Amino acid sequence: MTQRLHLVFGGELIDPSRTEFKDPNDIHMVGIFPDYATAYNAWKSEAQRTVDNAHMRYFIAHLHRLRDEEQAASATEELGN
């Protein structure tokens, strides 16, 4: 079985319409998760916790795609489509 690791991280952005962090040294590393569903739950929890700050954003990085850059993957791969 292929392992599909996901990294959840976030922080304060310079501008809410862009994805540039205000201070890259202050990025919050939530963790690495073994599957998309677990990563999504962690992302959702952090996003809801910081919902009052429009400049805070959390992201899910698909680490398994970094390990095998030769393999094509769709944006909805994790959803089974």
PDB file of N, CA and C in Angstrom:
ATOM      1  N   MET A   1       0.836  -1.182   0.000  1.00  0.00           N
ATOM      2  CA  MET A   1       0.000   0.000   0.000  1.00  0.00           C
ATOM      3  C   MET A   1       0.883   1.248   0.000  1.00  0.00           C
ATOM      4  N   THR A   2       0.534   2.205  -0.843  1.00  0.00           N
ATOM      5  CA  THR A   2       1.268   3.458  -0.943  1.00  0.00           C
ATOM      6  C   THR A   2       0.923   4.357   0.229  1.00  0.00           C
ATOM      7  N   GLN A   3       1.960   4.902   0.832  1.00  0.00           N
ATOM      8  CA  GLN A   3       1.751   5.829   1.947  1.00  0.00           C
ATOM      9  C   GLN A   3       1.564   7.237   1.389  1.00  0.00           C
ATOM     10  N   ARG A   4       0.541   7.923   1.856  1.00  0.00           N
ATOM     11  CA  ARG A   4       0.227   9.267   1.358  1.00  0.00           C
ATOM     12  C   ARG A   4       0.244  10.259   2.524  1.00  0.00           C
ATOM     13  N   LEU A   5       1.419  10.782   2.808  1.00  0.00           N
ATOM     14  CA  LEU A   5       1.587  11.706   3.924  1.00  0.00           C
ATOM     15  C   LEU A   5       1.153  13.118   3.539  1.00  0.00           C
ATOM     16  N   HIS A   6       0.599  13.829   4.532  1.00  0.00           N
ATOM     17  CA  HIS A   6       0.128  15.201   4.329  1.00  0.00           C
ATOM     18  C   HIS A   6       0.609  16.073   5.479  1.00  0.00           C
ATOM     19  N   LEU A   7       1.065  17.274   5.153  1.00  0.00           N
ATOM     20  CA  LEU A   7       1.535  18.251   6.137  1.00  0.00           C
ATOM     21  C   LEU A   7       0.494  19.356   6.257  1.00  0.00           C
ATOM     22  N   VAL A   8       0.123  19.676   7.490  1.00  0.00           N
ATOM     23  CA  VAL A   8      -0.802  20.789   7.743  1.00  0.00           C
ATOM     24  C   VAL A   8      -0.004  21.898   8.426  1.00  0.00           C
ATOM     25  N   PHE A   9      -0.079  23.101   7.855  1.00  0.00           N
ATOM     26  CA  PHE A   9       0.662  24.238   8.395  1.00  0.00           C
ATOM     27  C   PHE A   9      -0.098  25.519   8.087  1.00  0.00           C
ATOM     28  N   GLY A  10       0.267  26.590   8.779  1.00  0.00           N
ATOM     29  CA  GLY A  10      -0.395  27.858   8.515  1.00  0.00           C
ATOM     30  C   GLY A  10       0.269  28.992   9.252  1.00  0.00           C
ATOM     31  N   GLY A  11      -0.291  30.178   9.046  1.00  0.00           N
ATOM     32  CA  GLY A  11       0.243  31.355   9.698  1.00  0.00           C
ATOM     33  C   GLY A  11      -0.441  32.602   9.180  1.00  0.00           C
ATOM     34  N   GLU A  12       0.070  33.714   9.627  1.00  0.00           N
ATOM     35  CA  GLU A  12      -0.511  35.003   9.246  1.00  0.00           C
ATOM     36  C   GLU A  12       0.032  35.447   7.888  1.00  0.00           C
ATOM     37  N   LEU A  13      -0.874  35.847   7.009  1.00  0.00           N
ATOM     38  CA  LEU A  13      -0.501  36.297   5.675  1.00  0.00           C
ATOM     39  C   LEU A  13      -0.354  37.811   5.631  1.00  0.00           C
ATOM     40  N   ILE A  14       0.452  38.290   4.698  1.00  0.00           N
ATOM     41  CA  ILE A  14       0.618  39.728   4.493  1.00  0.00           C
ATOM     42  C   ILE A  14      -0.702  40.325   4.024  1.00  0.00           C
ATOM     43  N   ASP A  15      -1.330  39.628   3.097  1.00  0.00           N
ATOM     44  CA  ASP A  15      -2.579  40.088   2.483  1.00  0.00           C
ATOM     45  C   ASP A  15      -3.479  38.860   2.331  1.00  0.00           C
ATOM     46  N   PRO A  16      -4.717  38.915   2.818  1.00  0.00           N
ATOM     47  CA  PRO A  16      -5.603  37.747   2.749  1.00  0.00           C
ATOM     48  C   PRO A  16      -5.899  37.254   1.330  1.00  0.00           C
ATOM     49  N   SER A  17      -5.643  38.072   0.318  1.00  0.00           N
ATOM     50  CA  SER A  17      -5.904  37.643  -1.056  1.00  0.00           C
ATOM     51  C   SER A  17      -4.699  36.949  -1.692  1.00  0.00           C
ATOM     52  N   ARG A  18      -3.589  36.831  -0.932  1.00  0.00           N
ATOM     53  CA  ARG A  18      -2.370  36.173  -1.435  1.00  0.00           C
ATOM     54  C   ARG A  18      -1.944  35.082  -0.462  1.00  0.00           C
ATOM     55  N   THR A  19      -0.923  34.342  -0.818  1.00  0.00           N
ATOM     56  CA  THR A  19      -0.456  33.256   0.061  1.00  0.00           C
ATOM     57  C   THR A  19       0.975  33.482   0.545  1.00  0.00           C
ATOM     58  N   GLU A  20       1.339  34.740   0.750  1.00  0.00           N
ATOM     59  CA  GLU A  20       2.671  35.078   1.253  1.00  0.00           C
ATOM     60  C   GLU A  20       2.587  35.328   2.756  1.00  0.00           C
ATOM     61  N   PHE A  21       3.400  34.583   3.517  1.00  0.00           N
ATOM     62  CA  PHE A  21       3.363  34.701   4.975  1.00  0.00           C
ATOM     63  C   PHE A  21       4.022  35.991   5.451  1.00  0.00           C
ATOM     64  N   LYS A  22       3.440  36.595   6.474  1.00  0.00           N
ATOM     65  CA  LYS A  22       3.971  37.817   7.083  1.00  0.00           C
ATOM     66  C   LYS A  22       5.345  37.550   7.685  1.00  0.00           C
ATOM     67  N   ASP A  23       5.484  36.439   8.409  1.00  0.00           N
ATOM     68  CA  ASP A  23       6.755  36.061   9.029  1.00  0.00           C
ATOM     69  C   ASP A  23       6.954  34.554   8.879  1.00  0.00           C
ATOM     70  N   PRO A  24       7.726  34.112   7.885  1.00  0.00           N
ATOM     71  CA  PRO A  24       7.938  32.683   7.673  1.00  0.00           C
ATOM     72  C   PRO A  24       8.531  31.960   8.882  1.00  0.00           C
ATOM     73  N   ASN A  25       9.217  32.707   9.755  1.00  0.00           N
ATOM     74  CA  ASN A  25       9.764  32.084  10.964  1.00  0.00           C
ATOM     75  C   ASN A  25       8.680  31.764  11.989  1.00  0.00           C
ATOM     76  N   ASP A  26       7.484  32.292  11.774  1.00  0.00           N
ATOM     77  CA  ASP A  26       6.393  32.109  12.722  1.00  0.00           C
ATOM     78  C   ASP A  26       5.296  31.181  12.165  1.00  0.00           C
ATOM     79  N   ILE A  27       5.639  30.362  11.172  1.00  0.00           N
ATOM     80  CA  ILE A  27       4.663  29.427  10.603  1.00  0.00           C
ATOM     81  C   ILE A  27       4.350  28.340  11.631  1.00  0.00           C
ATOM     82  N   HIS A  28       3.068  28.080  11.802  1.00  0.00           N
ATOM     83  CA  HIS A  28       2.604  27.058  12.745  1.00  0.00           C
ATOM     84  C   HIS A  28       2.554  25.713  12.024  1.00  0.00           C
ATOM     85  N   MET A  29       3.405  24.779  12.445  1.00  0.00           N
ATOM     86  CA  MET A  29       3.416  23.435  11.880  1.00  0.00           C
ATOM     87  C   MET A  29       2.472  22.588  12.728  1.00  0.00           C
ATOM     88  N   VAL A  30       1.317  22.276  12.184  1.00  0.00           N
ATOM     89  CA  VAL A  30       0.320  21.497  12.914  1.00  0.00           C
ATOM     90  C   VAL A  30       0.774  20.049  13.019  1.00  0.00           C
ATOM     91  N   GLY A  31       1.224  19.469  11.906  1.00  0.00           N
ATOM     92  CA  GLY A  31       1.728  18.108  11.940  1.00  0.00           C
ATOM     93  C   GLY A  31       1.693  17.423  10.593  1.00  0.00           C
ATOM     94  N   ILE A  32       2.215  16.197  10.584  1.00  0.00           N
ATOM     95  CA  ILE A  32       2.200  15.334   9.406  1.00  0.00           C
ATOM     96  C   ILE A  32       1.212  14.218   9.684  1.00  0.00           C
ATOM     97  N   PHE A  33       0.358  13.947   8.708  1.00  0.00           N
ATOM     98  CA  PHE A  33      -0.731  12.995   8.908  1.00  0.00           C
ATOM     99  C   PHE A  33      -0.685  11.890   7.856  1.00  0.00           C
ATOM    100  N   PRO A  34      -1.137  10.692   8.205  1.00  0.00           N
ATOM    101  CA  PRO A  34      -0.996   9.525   7.333  1.00  0.00           C
ATOM    102  C   PRO A  34      -1.981   9.451   6.168  1.00  0.00           C
ATOM    103  N   ASP A  35      -3.001  10.290   6.191  1.00  0.00           N
ATOM    104  CA  ASP A  35      -3.980  10.273   5.106  1.00  0.00           C
ATOM    105  C   ASP A  35      -4.668  11.630   5.019  1.00  0.00           C
ATOM    106  N   TYR A  36      -5.360  11.840   3.903  1.00  0.00           N
ATOM    107  CA  TYR A  36      -5.982  13.136   3.653  1.00  0.00           C
ATOM    108  C   TYR A  36      -7.095  13.437   4.657  1.00  0.00           C
ATOM    109  N   ALA A  37      -7.882  12.444   5.002  1.00  0.00           N
ATOM    110  CA  ALA A  37      -9.007  12.668   5.916  1.00  0.00           C
ATOM    111  C   ALA A  37      -8.524  13.182   7.272  1.00  0.00           C
ATOM    112  N   THR A  38      -7.480  12.600   7.800  1.00  0.00           N
ATOM    113  CA  THR A  38      -6.929  13.033   9.086  1.00  0.00           C
ATOM    114  C   THR A  38      -6.336  14.436   8.962  1.00  0.00           C
ATOM    115  N   ALA A  39      -5.631  14.693   7.865  1.00  0.00           N
ATOM    116  CA  ALA A  39      -5.055  16.022   7.634  1.00  0.00           C
ATOM    117  C   ALA A  39      -6.161  17.058   7.498  1.00  0.00           C
ATOM    118  N   TYR A  40      -7.222  16.707   6.802  1.00  0.00           N
ATOM    119  CA  TYR A  40      -8.339  17.627   6.618  1.00  0.00           C
ATOM    120  C   TYR A  40      -8.971  17.992   7.960  1.00  0.00           C
ATOM    121  N   ASN A  41      -9.143  17.012   8.827  1.00  0.00           N
ATOM    122  CA  ASN A  41      -9.720  17.276  10.155  1.00  0.00           C
ATOM    123  C   ASN A  41      -8.830  18.214  10.956  1.00  0.00           C
ATOM    124  N   ALA A  42      -7.511  18.023  10.885  1.00  0.00           N
ATOM    125  CA  ALA A  42      -6.573  18.907  11.589  1.00  0.00           C
ATOM    126  C   ALA A  42      -6.616  20.315  10.990  1.00  0.00           C
ATOM    127  N   TRP A  43      -6.652  20.390   9.657  1.00  0.00           N
ATOM    128  CA  TRP A  43      -6.738  21.688   8.981  1.00  0.00           C
ATOM    129  C   TRP A  43      -8.021  22.419   9.390  1.00  0.00           C
ATOM    130  N   LYS A  44      -9.126  21.706   9.368  1.00  0.00           N
ATOM    131  CA  LYS A  44     -10.414  22.313   9.698  1.00  0.00           C
ATOM    132  C   LYS A  44     -10.427  22.831  11.133  1.00  0.00           C
ATOM    133  N   SER A  45      -9.859  22.078  12.043  1.00  0.00           N
ATOM    134  CA  SER A  45      -9.802  22.482  13.447  1.00  0.00           C
ATOM    135  C   SER A  45      -9.019  23.783  13.609  1.00  0.00           C
ATOM    136  N   GLU A  46      -7.858  23.872  12.962  1.00  0.00           N
ATOM    137  CA  GLU A  46      -7.036  25.085  13.061  1.00  0.00           C
ATOM    138  C   GLU A  46      -7.705  26.258  12.354  1.00  0.00           C
ATOM    139  N   ALA A  47      -8.314  26.011  11.210  1.00  0.00           N
ATOM    140  CA  ALA A  47      -8.994  27.084  10.473  1.00  0.00           C
ATOM    141  C   ALA A  47     -10.160  27.636  11.292  1.00  0.00           C
ATOM    142  N   GLN A  48     -10.900  26.766  11.944  1.00  0.00           N
ATOM    143  CA  GLN A  48     -12.019  27.224  12.768  1.00  0.00           C
ATOM    144  C   GLN A  48     -11.538  27.962  14.012  1.00  0.00           C
ATOM    145  N   ARG A  49     -10.424  27.517  14.565  1.00  0.00           N
ATOM    146  CA  ARG A  49      -9.866  28.155  15.767  1.00  0.00           C
ATOM    147  C   ARG A  49      -9.442  29.592  15.485  1.00  0.00           C
ATOM    148  N   THR A  50      -9.012  29.868  14.242  1.00  0.00           N
ATOM    149  CA  THR A  50      -8.495  31.195  13.891  1.00  0.00           C
ATOM    150  C   THR A  50      -9.436  31.959  12.968  1.00  0.00           C
ATOM    151  N   VAL A  51     -10.695  31.580  12.920  1.00  0.00           N
ATOM    152  CA  VAL A  51     -11.650  32.158  11.975  1.00  0.00           C
ATOM    153  C   VAL A  51     -11.834  33.672  12.156  1.00  0.00           C
ATOM    154  N   ASP A  52     -11.595  34.196  13.322  1.00  0.00           N
ATOM    155  CA  ASP A  52     -11.775  35.629  13.564  1.00  0.00           C
ATOM    156  C   ASP A  52     -10.642  36.494  13.004  1.00  0.00           C
ATOM    157  N   ASN A  53      -9.551  35.872  12.583  1.00  0.00           N
ATOM    158  CA  ASN A  53      -8.425  36.613  12.023  1.00  0.00           C
ATOM    159  C   ASN A  53      -8.373  36.351  10.517  1.00  0.00           C
ATOM    160  N   ALA A  54      -8.789  37.324   9.724  1.00  0.00           N
ATOM    161  CA  ALA A  54      -8.859  37.161   8.269  1.00  0.00           C
ATOM    162  C   ALA A  54      -7.489  36.917   7.635  1.00  0.00           C
ATOM    163  N   HIS A  55      -6.412  37.252   8.320  1.00  0.00           N
ATOM    164  CA  HIS A  55      -5.076  37.077   7.770  1.00  0.00           C
ATOM    165  C   HIS A  55      -4.489  35.692   8.055  1.00  0.00           C
ATOM    166  N   MET A  56      -5.132  34.920   8.901  1.00  0.00           N
ATOM    167  CA  MET A  56      -4.634  33.571   9.218  1.00  0.00           C
ATOM    168  C   MET A  56      -5.144  32.578   8.193  1.00  0.00           C
ATOM    169  N   ARG A  57      -4.239  31.733   7.677  1.00  0.00           N
ATOM    170  CA  ARG A  57      -4.610  30.689   6.731  1.00  0.00           C
ATOM    171  C   ARG A  57      -3.849  29.414   7.049  1.00  0.00           C
ATOM    172  N   TYR A  58      -4.517  28.312   6.865  1.00  0.00           N
ATOM    173  CA  TYR A  58      -3.903  26.990   7.021  1.00  0.00           C
ATOM    174  C   TYR A  58      -3.995  26.246   5.705  1.00  0.00           C
ATOM    175  N   PHE A  59      -3.016  25.399   5.452  1.00  0.00           N
ATOM    176  CA  PHE A  59      -2.892  24.693   4.186  1.00  0.00           C
ATOM    177  C   PHE A  59      -2.607  23.213   4.429  1.00  0.00           C
ATOM    178  N   ILE A  60      -2.937  22.409   3.435  1.00  0.00           N
ATOM    179  CA  ILE A  60      -2.573  20.992   3.437  1.00  0.00           C
ATOM    180  C   ILE A  60      -1.606  20.786   2.280  1.00  0.00           C
ATOM    181  N   ALA A  61      -0.399  20.301   2.582  1.00  0.00           N
ATOM    182  CA  ALA A  61       0.592  19.985   1.551  1.00  0.00           C
ATOM    183  C   ALA A  61       0.623  18.473   1.372  1.00  0.00           C
ATOM    184  N   HIS A  62       0.578  18.037   0.141  1.00  0.00           N
ATOM    185  CA  HIS A  62       0.582  16.610  -0.182  1.00  0.00           C
ATOM    186  C   HIS A  62       2.033  16.130  -0.296  1.00  0.00           C
ATOM    187  N   LEU A  63       2.591  15.662   0.810  1.00  0.00           N
ATOM    188  CA  LEU A  63       3.997  15.267   0.829  1.00  0.00           C
ATOM    189  C   LEU A  63       4.282  14.085  -0.089  1.00  0.00           C
ATOM    190  N   HIS A  64       3.315  13.210  -0.278  1.00  0.00           N
ATOM    191  CA  HIS A  64       3.538  12.058  -1.149  1.00  0.00           C
ATOM    192  C   HIS A  64       3.802  12.494  -2.590  1.00  0.00           C
ATOM    193  N   ARG A  65       3.295  13.636  -2.987  1.00  0.00           N
ATOM    194  CA  ARG A  65       3.549  14.134  -4.340  1.00  0.00           C
ATOM    195  C   ARG A  65       4.984  14.631  -4.474  1.00  0.00           C
ATOM    196  N   LEU A  66       5.569  15.099  -3.393  1.00  0.00           N
ATOM    197  CA  LEU A  66       6.961  15.547  -3.431  1.00  0.00           C
ATOM    198  C   LEU A  66       7.914  14.359  -3.558  1.00  0.00           C
ATOM    199  N   ARG A  67       7.524  13.231  -3.025  1.00  0.00           N
ATOM    200  CA  ARG A  67       8.379  12.047  -3.076  1.00  0.00           C
ATOM    201  C   ARG A  67       8.412  11.437  -4.467  1.00  0.00           C
ATOM    202  N   ASP A  68       7.344  11.546  -5.229  1.00  0.00           N
ATOM    203  CA  ASP A  68       7.259  10.931  -6.541  1.00  0.00           C
ATOM    204  C   ASP A  68       6.749  11.951  -7.557  1.00  0.00           C
ATOM    205  N   GLU A  69       7.624  12.857  -7.951  1.00  0.00           N
ATOM    206  CA  GLU A  69       7.237  13.932  -8.851  1.00  0.00           C
ATOM    207  C   GLU A  69       6.963  13.456 -10.272  1.00  0.00           C
ATOM    208  N   GLU A  70       7.384  12.260 -10.621  1.00  0.00           N
ATOM    209  CA  GLU A  70       7.174  11.731 -11.964  1.00  0.00           C
ATOM    210  C   GLU A  70       5.745  11.276 -12.180  1.00  0.00           C
ATOM    211  N   GLN A  71       5.042  10.954 -11.103  1.00  0.00           N
ATOM    212  CA  GLN A  71       3.692  10.418 -11.212  1.00  0.00           C
ATOM    213  C   GLN A  71       2.669  11.548 -11.264  1.00  0.00           C
ATOM    214  N   ALA A  72       1.833  11.512 -12.275  1.00  0.00           N
ATOM    215  CA  ALA A  72       0.781  12.537 -12.415  1.00  0.00           C
ATOM    216  C   ALA A  72      -0.306  12.308 -11.374  1.00  0.00           C
ATOM    217  N   ALA A  73      -0.859  13.385 -10.866  1.00  0.00           N
ATOM    218  CA  ALA A  73      -1.929  13.289  -9.875  1.00  0.00           C
ATOM    219  C   ALA A  73      -2.921  14.416 -10.118  1.00  0.00           C
ATOM    220  N   SER A  74      -4.191  14.109  -9.940  1.00  0.00           N
ATOM    221  CA  SER A  74      -5.213  15.128 -10.116  1.00  0.00           C
ATOM    222  C   SER A  74      -5.462  15.850  -8.803  1.00  0.00           C
ATOM    223  N   ALA A  75      -6.067  17.009  -8.889  1.00  0.00           N
ATOM    224  CA  ALA A  75      -6.369  17.802  -7.679  1.00  0.00           C
ATOM    225  C   ALA A  75      -7.384  17.103  -6.787  1.00  0.00           C
ATOM    226  N   THR A  76      -8.204  16.245  -7.359  1.00  0.00           N
ATOM    227  CA  THR A  76      -9.231  15.565  -6.578  1.00  0.00           C
ATOM    228  C   THR A  76      -8.868  14.118  -6.285  1.00  0.00           C
ATOM    229  N   GLU A  77      -7.627  13.764  -6.458  1.00  0.00           N
ATOM    230  CA  GLU A  77      -7.162  12.391  -6.241  1.00  0.00           C
ATOM    231  C   GLU A  77      -7.563  11.876  -4.861  1.00  0.00           C
ATOM    232  N   GLU A  78      -7.453  12.726  -3.849  1.00  0.00           N
ATOM    233  CA  GLU A  78      -7.724  12.302  -2.487  1.00  0.00           C
ATOM    234  C   GLU A  78      -9.211  11.983  -2.263  1.00  0.00           C
ATOM    235  N   LEU A  79     -10.067  12.537  -3.089  1.00  0.00           N
ATOM    236  CA  LEU A  79     -11.491  12.328  -2.923  1.00  0.00           C
ATOM    237  C   LEU A  79     -11.980  11.102  -3.669  1.00  0.00           C
ATOM    238  N   GLY A  80     -11.082  10.404  -4.340  1.00  0.00           N
ATOM    239  CA  GLY A  80     -11.446   9.198  -5.046  1.00  0.00           C
ATOM    240  C   GLY A  80     -12.052   9.430  -6.413  1.00  0.00           C
ATOM    241  N   ASN A  81     -11.890  10.620  -6.960  1.00  0.00           N
ATOM    242  CA  ASN A  81     -12.453  10.940  -8.287  1.00  0.00           C
ATOM    243  C   ASN A  81     -11.435  10.709  -9.377  1.00  0.00           C
TER     244      ASN A  81
END
